[in-house]
Protein backbone atom coordinates (compact mmCIF):
# COMPACT_ATOMS: atom_id res chain seq x y z
CA LEU A 1 0.12 0.28 0.07
CA TRP A 2 1.34 3.48 -0.09
CA PRO A 3 1.74 5.41 2.22
CA GLN A 4 -1.29 7.75 2.34
CA LEU A 5 -3.28 4.99 2.43
CA ALA A 6 -1.84 2.95 4.46
CA GLU A 7 -1.56 6.07 7.11
CA ILE A 8 -5.53 5.92 6.30
CA LEU A 9 -6.91 2.97 6.42
CA LYS A 10 -5.12 1.58 9.84
CA PRO A 11 -7.58 2.28 12.37
CA TRP A 12 -10.34 0.71 9.78
CA LEU A 13 -8.36 -2.45 9.66
CA ALA A 14 -7.76 -2.37 13.36
CA ALA A 15 -11.77 -1.89 13.52
CA ARG A 16 -12.75 -4.33 10.83
CA LYS A 17 -10.17 -7.01 12.76
CA LEU A 18 -12.50 -5.99 16.15
CA ALA A 19 -15.51 -6.32 14.40
CA GLY A 20 -14.85 -9.91 12.85
CA GLY A 21 -14.39 -9.31 9.85
CA ARG A 22 -13.00 -10.64 7.09
CA LEU A 23 -13.54 -8.58 4.25
CA LEU A 24 -11.90 -4.79 3.85
CA PHE A 25 -15.18 -3.17 2.43
CA PRO A 26 -17.85 -5.41 2.94
CA SER A 27 -21.99 -5.76 1.96
CA TYR A 28 -24.61 -6.22 4.61
CA ARG A 29 -27.50 -5.76 1.91
CA THR A 30 -28.42 -9.73 2.84
CA GLY A 31 -27.80 -9.11 7.09
CA GLU A 32 -24.05 -10.76 6.48
CA GLU A 33 -21.08 -10.36 5.64
CA ALA A 34 -20.51 -10.15 1.98
CA MET A 35 -18.18 -9.54 -1.10
CA LEU A 36 -19.69 -5.44 -2.44
CA THR A 37 -20.49 -5.88 -5.54
CA ASP A 38 -21.66 -2.86 -7.11
CA CYS A 39 -21.52 0.16 -5.08
CA ARG A 40 -23.12 3.02 -7.71
CA LYS A 41 -25.15 3.91 -4.75
CA LEU A 42 -22.82 3.78 -2.67
CA LEU A 43 -20.70 5.89 -4.19
CA ASP A 44 -24.24 8.14 -5.65
CA ALA A 45 -24.32 8.89 -1.23
CA VAL A 46 -20.80 9.65 -0.99
CA GLY A 47 -21.56 12.02 -3.55
CA ALA A 48 -24.53 13.69 -3.05
CA ARG A 49 -23.10 14.38 0.64
CA ALA A 50 -21.00 16.63 -1.43
CA GLY A 51 -22.93 18.06 -3.94
CA TYR A 52 -22.46 15.61 -6.59
CA GLN A 53 -25.26 14.71 -9.08
CA PRO A 54 -26.28 10.75 -9.33
CA ARG A 55 -23.23 9.51 -11.44
CA GLU A 56 -21.72 12.12 -11.47
CA LEU A 57 -18.95 10.02 -9.60
CA ASN A 58 -17.82 7.20 -10.82
CA LEU A 59 -14.82 4.36 -10.71
CA TYR A 60 -14.36 5.16 -13.65
CA ASP A 61 -13.03 9.33 -11.28
CA PHE A 62 -10.98 6.75 -9.17
CA ARG A 63 -8.86 5.56 -12.13
CA HIS A 64 -8.46 8.15 -13.67
CA THR A 65 -7.17 10.52 -10.67
CA TYR A 66 -4.63 7.37 -9.21
CA CYS A 67 -3.24 7.25 -12.84
CA ALA A 68 -2.67 10.93 -13.34
CA ALA A 69 -0.58 10.79 -9.56
CA ARG A 70 1.09 7.83 -10.45
CA LEU A 71 1.92 8.91 -14.00
CA GLN A 72 3.88 12.05 -11.85
CA THR A 73 5.98 9.88 -8.82
CA LEU A 74 9.79 8.79 -9.17
CA ASP A 75 11.71 5.51 -10.43
CA GLY A 76 14.49 5.86 -8.60
CA ASP A 77 15.42 9.72 -10.17
CA ALA A 78 13.10 9.29 -13.15
CA PRO A 79 9.40 10.17 -13.61
CA VAL A 80 8.07 6.98 -13.93
CA SER A 81 7.39 5.24 -17.16
CA PRO A 82 3.94 4.89 -18.76
CA TYR A 83 4.53 1.55 -19.99
CA THR A 84 4.57 0.70 -15.71
CA VAL A 85 1.49 2.54 -14.75
CA GLY A 86 0.12 0.66 -17.40
CA GLN A 87 1.41 -2.86 -16.44
CA GLU A 88 -0.31 -1.57 -12.98
CA LEU A 89 -4.18 -1.13 -14.84
CA GLY A 90 -3.88 -3.87 -16.10
CA HIS A 91 -2.59 -2.51 -19.32
CA GLY A 92 -0.63 -4.02 -22.00
CA GLY A 93 1.17 -1.41 -22.45
CA GLU A 94 2.31 2.32 -22.03
CA SER A 95 -0.20 3.52 -25.82
CA LEU A 96 -3.65 3.60 -23.35
CA VAL A 97 -2.28 5.45 -20.53
CA LYS A 98 -0.79 8.52 -22.98
CA ARG A 99 -4.00 9.35 -24.76
CA VAL A 100 -6.67 8.91 -21.75
CA TYR A 101 -4.78 8.75 -18.81
CA ALA A 102 -1.80 11.47 -19.07
CA HIS A 103 -3.05 14.86 -19.40
CA LEU A 104 -1.65 16.20 -17.09
CA GLY A 105 -1.38 20.11 -17.41
CA THR A 106 1.90 22.17 -17.52
CA VAL A 107 2.53 21.77 -12.89
CA ARG A 108 3.48 18.90 -11.85
CA HIS A 109 4.31 17.84 -8.22
CA ARG A 110 7.37 14.70 -8.54
CA ALA A 111 6.82 12.30 -4.94
CA GLU A 112 8.80 9.26 -4.78
CA VAL A 113 4.80 7.51 -3.83
CA VAL A 114 1.01 8.15 -4.69
CA GLU A 115 -0.45 10.51 -2.55
CA TYR A 116 -3.22 12.86 -2.19
CA ARG A 117 -2.58 15.82 0.33
CA VAL A 118 -4.03 20.18 -1.09
CA LYS A 119 -0.47 21.14 0.46
CA GLN A 120 1.48 20.20 -2.40
CA HIS A 121 -1.08 22.15 -5.13
CA LEU A 122 -1.18 24.78 -3.17
CA ASN A 123 1.89 26.94 -4.40
CA ALA A 124 1.32 25.33 -8.11
CA GLN A 125 1.64 28.81 -10.45
CA HIS A 126 -0.61 27.91 -13.13
CA ARG A 127 -4.63 26.87 -10.65
CA ASP A 128 -7.99 27.38 -12.19
CA LYS A 129 -10.70 28.49 -10.81
CA ALA A 130 -12.22 25.54 -9.33
CA VAL A 131 -9.08 24.52 -7.87
CA ARG A 132 -8.46 27.65 -6.06
CA GLU A 133 -12.55 27.86 -5.08
CA TRP A 134 -11.36 23.91 -3.76
CA VAL A 135 -8.37 25.02 -1.87
CA LYS A 136 -10.98 28.07 -0.59
CA ALA A 137 -13.97 25.33 0.50
CA LEU A 138 -11.07 23.35 2.65
CA ARG A 139 -9.41 26.03 4.17
CA ALA A 140 -13.18 27.55 5.66
CA ALA A 141 -13.81 24.14 6.64
């Protein structure tokens, strides 16, 4: 696991273990712990709390965000190869990564690991209005 994800999941995993759960994100729709097979309604509920319309937030968004963040990491002292990222995502090569996911813009944050921290982006020179508003809202919260 990436360090930030491990930090976030550690308390959750401890609580799951104490509760006797076997699955990381289970479904209790039937009254018993079962594998979550469709999370669209769950994402709709989470999205609604954040101001999104139904189906506006989806798994593709998470995959896209991860790929963009991963492309900004380092492999040794060099930027990670799109081929490596493609392999992690289950693609046969780098062409889909370059065509679909790799439109990052001109300001990039390079790091050894994947992480999503607002402070990385606060000093970017070329932020658009939506990002400035998002950072402003986070600071106010």
